[in-house]
Amino acid sequence: GGDGSFYQVKRGLEHLIMENVDYN
């Protein structure tokens, strides 16, 4: 729809960090 995705992605990153998932 043309809207920014930043806050959706930021939430996903926070879940990765919270659950100690290896990520880059």
PDB file of all heavy atoms in Angstrom:
ATOM      1  N   GLY A   1       0.798  -1.220   0.000  1.00  0.00           N
ATOM      2  CA  GLY A   1       0.000   0.000   0.000  1.00  0.00           C
ATOM      3  C   GLY A   1       0.828   1.266   0.000  1.00  0.00           C
ATOM      4  O   GLY A   1       0.277   2.368   0.053  1.00  0.00           O
ATOM      5  N   GLY A   2       2.139   1.124  -0.020  1.00  0.00           N
ATOM      6  CA  GLY A   2       3.021   2.275  -0.062  1.00  0.00           C
ATOM      7  C   GLY A   2       3.411   2.843   1.289  1.00  0.00           C
ATOM      8  O   GLY A   2       4.073   3.881   1.358  1.00  0.00           O
ATOM      9  N   ASP A   3       3.009   2.172   2.366  1.00  0.00           N
ATOM     10  CA  ASP A   3       3.356   2.654   3.703  1.00  0.00           C
ATOM     11  C   ASP A   3       4.739   2.147   4.119  1.00  0.00           C
ATOM     12  O   ASP A   3       5.195   1.090   3.665  1.00  0.00           O
ATOM     13  CB  ASP A   3       2.319   2.177   4.729  1.00  0.00           C
ATOM     14  CG  ASP A   3       0.934   2.732   4.452  1.00  0.00           C
ATOM     15  OD1 ASP A   3       0.853   3.898   4.015  1.00  0.00           O
ATOM     16  OD2 ASP A   3      -0.051   1.996   4.654  1.00  0.00           O
ATOM     17  N   GLY A   4       5.389   2.872   5.011  1.00  0.00           N
ATOM     18  CA  GLY A   4       6.687   2.446   5.515  1.00  0.00           C
ATOM     19  C   GLY A   4       6.578   1.164   6.334  1.00  0.00           C
ATOM     20  O   GLY A   4       5.554   0.884   6.953  1.00  0.00           O
ATOM     21  N   SER A   5       7.653   0.390   6.342  1.00  0.00           N
ATOM     22  CA  SER A   5       7.658  -0.897   7.053  1.00  0.00           C
ATOM     23  C   SER A   5       8.535  -0.876   8.304  1.00  0.00           C
ATOM     24  O   SER A   5       8.689  -1.901   8.964  1.00  0.00           O
ATOM     25  CB  SER A   5       8.154  -2.007   6.116  1.00  0.00           C
ATOM     26  OG  SER A   5       9.494  -1.770   5.698  1.00  0.00           O
ATOM     27  N   PHE A   6       9.118   0.272   8.639  1.00  0.00           N
ATOM     28  CA  PHE A   6      10.141   0.324   9.681  1.00  0.00           C
ATOM     29  C   PHE A   6       9.674  -0.268  11.002  1.00  0.00           C
ATOM     30  O   PHE A   6      10.377  -1.097  11.600  1.00  0.00           O
ATOM     31  CB  PHE A   6      10.600   1.768   9.902  1.00  0.00           C
ATOM     32  CG  PHE A   6      11.619   1.908  11.006  1.00  0.00           C
ATOM     33  CD1 PHE A   6      12.937   1.569  10.786  1.00  0.00           C
ATOM     34  CD2 PHE A   6      11.239   2.379  12.264  1.00  0.00           C
ATOM     35  CE1 PHE A   6      13.876   1.702  11.810  1.00  0.00           C
ATOM     36  CE2 PHE A   6      12.167   2.505  13.282  1.00  0.00           C
ATOM     37  CZ  PHE A   6      13.490   2.163  13.052  1.00  0.00           C
ATOM     38  N   TYR A   7       8.510   0.132  11.485  1.00  0.00           N
ATOM     39  CA  TYR A   7       8.099  -0.304  12.815  1.00  0.00           C
ATOM     40  C   TYR A   7       7.729  -1.790  12.848  1.00  0.00           C
ATOM     41  O   TYR A   7       7.915  -2.454  13.876  1.00  0.00           O
ATOM     42  CB  TYR A   7       6.964   0.572  13.348  1.00  0.00           C
ATOM     43  CG  TYR A   7       7.482   1.921  13.790  1.00  0.00           C
ATOM     44  CD1 TYR A   7       7.311   3.054  12.995  1.00  0.00           C
ATOM     45  CD2 TYR A   7       8.200   2.055  14.968  1.00  0.00           C
ATOM     46  CE1 TYR A   7       7.826   4.284  13.379  1.00  0.00           C
ATOM     47  CE2 TYR A   7       8.716   3.284  15.366  1.00  0.00           C
ATOM     48  CZ  TYR A   7       8.529   4.391  14.571  1.00  0.00           C
ATOM     49  OH  TYR A   7       9.056   5.607  14.942  1.00  0.00           O
ATOM     50  N   GLN A   8       7.236  -2.328  11.738  1.00  0.00           N
ATOM     51  CA  GLN A   8       7.003  -3.773  11.668  1.00  0.00           C
ATOM     52  C   GLN A   8       8.327  -4.531  11.755  1.00  0.00           C
ATOM     53  O   GLN A   8       8.438  -5.549  12.445  1.00  0.00           O
ATOM     54  CB  GLN A   8       6.296  -4.134  10.363  1.00  0.00           C
ATOM     55  CG  GLN A   8       4.904  -3.559  10.212  1.00  0.00           C
ATOM     56  CD  GLN A   8       4.299  -3.934   8.878  1.00  0.00           C
ATOM     57  OE1 GLN A   8       4.158  -5.107   8.547  1.00  0.00           O
ATOM     58  NE2 GLN A   8       3.950  -2.929   8.078  1.00  0.00           N
ATOM     59  N   VAL A   9       9.328  -4.029  11.039  1.00  0.00           N
ATOM     60  CA  VAL A   9      10.641  -4.682  11.037  1.00  0.00           C
ATOM     61  C   VAL A   9      11.307  -4.539  12.401  1.00  0.00           C
ATOM     62  O   VAL A   9      11.899  -5.493  12.920  1.00  0.00           O
ATOM     63  CB  VAL A   9      11.531  -4.084   9.923  1.00  0.00           C
ATOM     64  CG1 VAL A   9      12.908  -4.733   9.942  1.00  0.00           C
ATOM     65  CG2 VAL A   9      10.877  -4.256   8.559  1.00  0.00           C
ATOM     66  N   LYS A  10      11.206  -3.366  12.990  1.00  0.00           N
ATOM     67  CA  LYS A  10      11.786  -3.129  14.311  1.00  0.00           C
ATOM     68  C   LYS A  10      11.194  -4.096  15.341  1.00  0.00           C
ATOM     69  O   LYS A  10      11.914  -4.634  16.193  1.00  0.00           O
ATOM     70  CB  LYS A  10      11.529  -1.688  14.733  1.00  0.00           C
ATOM     71  CG  LYS A  10      12.182  -1.271  16.052  1.00  0.00           C
ATOM     72  CD  LYS A  10      12.005   0.224  16.267  1.00  0.00           C
ATOM     73  CE  LYS A  10      12.686   0.692  17.559  1.00  0.00           C
ATOM     74  NZ  LYS A  10      11.951   0.251  18.747  1.00  0.00           N
ATOM     75  N   ARG A  11       9.888  -4.325  15.250  1.00  0.00           N
ATOM     76  CA  ARG A  11       9.253  -5.274  16.166  1.00  0.00           C
ATOM     77  C   ARG A  11       9.797  -6.690  15.949  1.00  0.00           C
ATOM     78  O   ARG A  11      10.050  -7.434  16.905  1.00  0.00           O
ATOM     79  CB  ARG A  11       7.734  -5.253  15.962  1.00  0.00           C
ATOM     80  CG  ARG A  11       6.971  -6.152  16.951  1.00  0.00           C
ATOM     81  CD  ARG A  11       5.477  -5.997  16.793  1.00  0.00           C
ATOM     82  NE  ARG A  11       5.029  -6.422  15.465  1.00  0.00           N
ATOM     83  CZ  ARG A  11       4.514  -5.611  14.555  1.00  0.00           C
ATOM     84  NH1 ARG A  11       4.378  -4.319  14.831  1.00  0.00           N
ATOM     85  NH2 ARG A  11       4.129  -6.057  13.376  1.00  0.00           N
ATOM     86  N   GLY A  12       9.998  -7.057  14.685  1.00  0.00           N
ATOM     87  CA  GLY A  12      10.574  -8.368  14.396  1.00  0.00           C
ATOM     88  C   GLY A  12      11.968  -8.516  14.968  1.00  0.00           C
ATOM     89  O   GLY A  12      12.320  -9.559  15.542  1.00  0.00           O
ATOM     90  N   LEU A  13      12.788  -7.464  14.837  1.00  0.00           N
ATOM     91  CA  LEU A  13      14.138  -7.492  15.395  1.00  0.00           C
ATOM     92  C   LEU A  13      14.088  -7.622  16.910  1.00  0.00           C
ATOM     93  O   LEU A  13      14.873  -8.375  17.514  1.00  0.00           O
ATOM     94  CB  LEU A  13      14.889  -6.225  14.993  1.00  0.00           C
ATOM     95  CG  LEU A  13      16.304  -6.067  15.581  1.00  0.00           C
ATOM     96  CD1 LEU A  13      17.211  -7.206  15.146  1.00  0.00           C
ATOM     97  CD2 LEU A  13      16.896  -4.717  15.168  1.00  0.00           C
ATOM     98  N   GLU A  14      13.168  -6.925  17.535  1.00  0.00           N
ATOM     99  CA  GLU A  14      13.037  -7.012  18.997  1.00  0.00           C
ATOM    100  C   GLU A  14      12.696  -8.427  19.434  1.00  0.00           C
ATOM    101  O   GLU A  14      13.194  -8.911  20.456  1.00  0.00           O
ATOM    102  CB  GLU A  14      11.972  -6.016  19.475  1.00  0.00           C
ATOM    103  CG  GLU A  14      12.421  -4.563  19.357  1.00  0.00           C
ATOM    104  CD  GLU A  14      11.282  -3.576  19.546  1.00  0.00           C
ATOM    105  OE1 GLU A  14      10.099  -4.018  19.603  1.00  0.00           O
ATOM    106  OE2 GLU A  14      11.550  -2.357  19.638  1.00  0.00           O
ATOM    107  N   HIS A  15      11.846  -9.123  18.670  1.00  0.00           N
ATOM    108  CA  HIS A  15      11.526 -10.516  18.984  1.00  0.00           C
ATOM    109  C   HIS A  15      12.762 -11.407  18.839  1.00  0.00           C
ATOM    110  O   HIS A  15      12.988 -12.307  19.667  1.00  0.00           O
ATOM    111  CB  HIS A  15      10.404 -11.028  18.084  1.00  0.00           C
ATOM    112  CG  HIS A  15       9.050 -10.457  18.403  1.00  0.00           C
ATOM    113  ND1 HIS A  15       8.574 -10.346  19.685  1.00  0.00           N
ATOM    114  CD2 HIS A  15       8.058  -9.991  17.596  1.00  0.00           C
ATOM    115  CE1 HIS A  15       7.363  -9.824  19.672  1.00  0.00           C
ATOM    116  NE2 HIS A  15       7.022  -9.599  18.413  1.00  0.00           N
ATOM    117  N   LEU A  16      13.558 -11.177  17.812  1.00  0.00           N
ATOM    118  CA  LEU A  16      14.782 -11.957  17.622  1.00  0.00           C
ATOM    119  C   LEU A  16      15.716 -11.792  18.815  1.00  0.00           C
ATOM    120  O   LEU A  16      16.271 -12.776  19.335  1.00  0.00           O
ATOM    121  CB  LEU A  16      15.502 -11.522  16.341  1.00  0.00           C
ATOM    122  CG  LEU A  16      14.861 -11.879  15.008  1.00  0.00           C
ATOM    123  CD1 LEU A  16      15.607 -11.195  13.865  1.00  0.00           C
ATOM    124  CD2 LEU A  16      14.849 -13.396  14.789  1.00  0.00           C
ATOM    125  N   ILE A  17      15.879 -10.552  19.257  1.00  0.00           N
ATOM    126  CA  ILE A  17      16.769 -10.269  20.381  1.00  0.00           C
ATOM    127  C   ILE A  17      16.215 -10.869  21.670  1.00  0.00           C
ATOM    128  O   ILE A  17      16.945 -11.479  22.461  1.00  0.00           O
ATOM    129  CB  ILE A  17      16.979  -8.745  20.516  1.00  0.00           C
ATOM    130  CG1 ILE A  17      17.729  -8.199  19.291  1.00  0.00           C
ATOM    131  CG2 ILE A  17      17.730  -8.419  21.801  1.00  0.00           C
ATOM    132  CD1 ILE A  17      17.814  -6.684  19.232  1.00  0.00           C
ATOM    133  N   MET A  18      14.903 -10.725  21.874  1.00  0.00           N
ATOM    134  CA  MET A  18      14.256 -11.242  23.078  1.00  0.00           C
ATOM    135  C   MET A  18      14.418 -12.754  23.208  1.00  0.00           C
ATOM    136  O   MET A  18      14.638 -13.283  24.296  1.00  0.00           O
ATOM    137  CB  MET A  18      12.768 -10.879  23.064  1.00  0.00           C
ATOM    138  CG  MET A  18      12.013 -11.242  24.335  1.00  0.00           C
ATOM    139  SD  MET A  18      10.232 -10.897  24.163  1.00  0.00           S
ATOM    140  CE  MET A  18      10.273  -9.184  23.623  1.00  0.00           C
ATOM    141  N   GLU A  19      14.346 -13.453  22.076  1.00  0.00           N
ATOM    142  CA  GLU A  19      14.420 -14.917  22.097  1.00  0.00           C
ATOM    143  C   GLU A  19      15.830 -15.445  21.835  1.00  0.00           C
ATOM    144  O   GLU A  19      16.022 -16.648  21.648  1.00  0.00           O
ATOM    145  CB  GLU A  19      13.450 -15.496  21.058  1.00  0.00           C
ATOM    146  CG  GLU A  19      11.988 -15.234  21.373  1.00  0.00           C
ATOM    147  CD  GLU A  19      11.539 -15.853  22.684  1.00  0.00           C
ATOM    148  OE1 GLU A  19      11.999 -16.974  23.003  1.00  0.00           O
ATOM    149  OE2 GLU A  19      10.750 -15.203  23.406  1.00  0.00           O
ATOM    150  N   ASN A  20      16.812 -14.533  21.803  1.00  0.00           N
ATOM    151  CA  ASN A  20      18.216 -14.919  21.619  1.00  0.00           C
ATOM    152  C   ASN A  20      18.458 -15.713  20.336  1.00  0.00           C
ATOM    153  O   ASN A  20      19.205 -16.698  20.313  1.00  0.00           O
ATOM    154  CB  ASN A  20      18.716 -15.727  22.830  1.00  0.00           C
ATOM    155  CG  ASN A  20      18.769 -14.900  24.098  1.00  0.00           C
ATOM    156  OD1 ASN A  20      19.254 -13.774  24.086  1.00  0.00           O
ATOM    157  ND2 ASN A  20      18.250 -15.457  25.180  1.00  0.00           N
ATOM    158  N   VAL A  21      17.821 -15.275  19.273  1.00  0.00           N
ATOM    159  CA  VAL A  21      18.038 -15.893  17.966  1.00  0.00           C
ATOM    160  C   VAL A  21      19.306 -15.295  17.354  1.00  0.00           C
ATOM    161  O   VAL A  21      19.517 -14.079  17.413  1.00  0.00           O
ATOM    162  CB  VAL A  21      16.838 -15.633  17.031  1.00  0.00           C
ATOM    163  CG1 VAL A  21      17.074 -16.274  15.664  1.00  0.00           C
ATOM    164  CG2 VAL A  21      15.557 -16.176  17.656  1.00  0.00           C
ATOM    165  N   ASP A  22      20.135 -16.138  16.773  1.00  0.00           N
ATOM    166  CA  ASP A  22      21.306 -15.627  16.061  1.00  0.00           C
ATOM    167  C   ASP A  22      20.840 -14.888  14.807  1.00  0.00           C
ATOM    168  O   ASP A  22      20.037 -15.418  14.027  1.00  0.00           O
ATOM    169  CB  ASP A  22      22.233 -16.772  15.653  1.00  0.00           C
ATOM    170  CG  ASP A  22      22.982 -17.365  16.839  1.00  0.00           C
ATOM    171  OD1 ASP A  22      23.153 -16.661  17.841  1.00  0.00           O
ATOM    172  OD2 ASP A  22      23.378 -18.539  16.746  1.00  0.00           O
ATOM    173  N   TYR A  23      21.345 -13.688  14.611  1.00  0.00           N
ATOM    174  CA  TYR A  23      20.870 -12.909  13.464  1.00  0.00           C
ATOM    175  C   TYR A  23      21.955 -11.945  13.011  1.00  0.00           C
ATOM    176  O   TYR A  23      22.927 -11.652  13.724  1.00  0.00           O
ATOM    177  CB  TYR A  23      19.614 -12.102  13.831  1.00  0.00           C
ATOM    178  CG  TYR A  23      19.895 -10.928  14.735  1.00  0.00           C
ATOM    179  CD1 TYR A  23      20.129  -9.658  14.206  1.00  0.00           C
ATOM    180  CD2 TYR A  23      19.973 -11.096  16.116  1.00  0.00           C
ATOM    181  CE1 TYR A  23      20.421  -8.585  15.042  1.00  0.00           C
ATOM    182  CE2 TYR A  23      20.268 -10.037  16.948  1.00  0.00           C
ATOM    183  CZ  TYR A  23      20.491  -8.789  16.409  1.00  0.00           C
ATOM    184  OH  TYR A  23      20.792  -7.725  17.224  1.00  0.00           O
ATOM    185  N   ASN A  24      21.822 -11.455  11.793  1.00  0.00           N
ATOM    186  CA  ASN A  24      22.601 -10.315  11.338  1.00  0.00           C
ATOM    187  C   ASN A  24      21.673  -9.380  10.586  1.00  0.00           C
ATOM    188  O   ASN A  24      20.588  -9.775  10.147  1.00  0.00           O
ATOM    189  CB  ASN A  24      23.809 -10.736  10.487  1.00  0.00           C
ATOM    190  CG  ASN A  24      23.427 -11.571   9.292  1.00  0.00           C
ATOM    191  OD1 ASN A  24      22.562 -11.191   8.509  1.00  0.00           O
ATOM    192  ND2 ASN A  24      24.069 -12.721   9.138  1.00  0.00           N
TER     193      ASN A  24
END
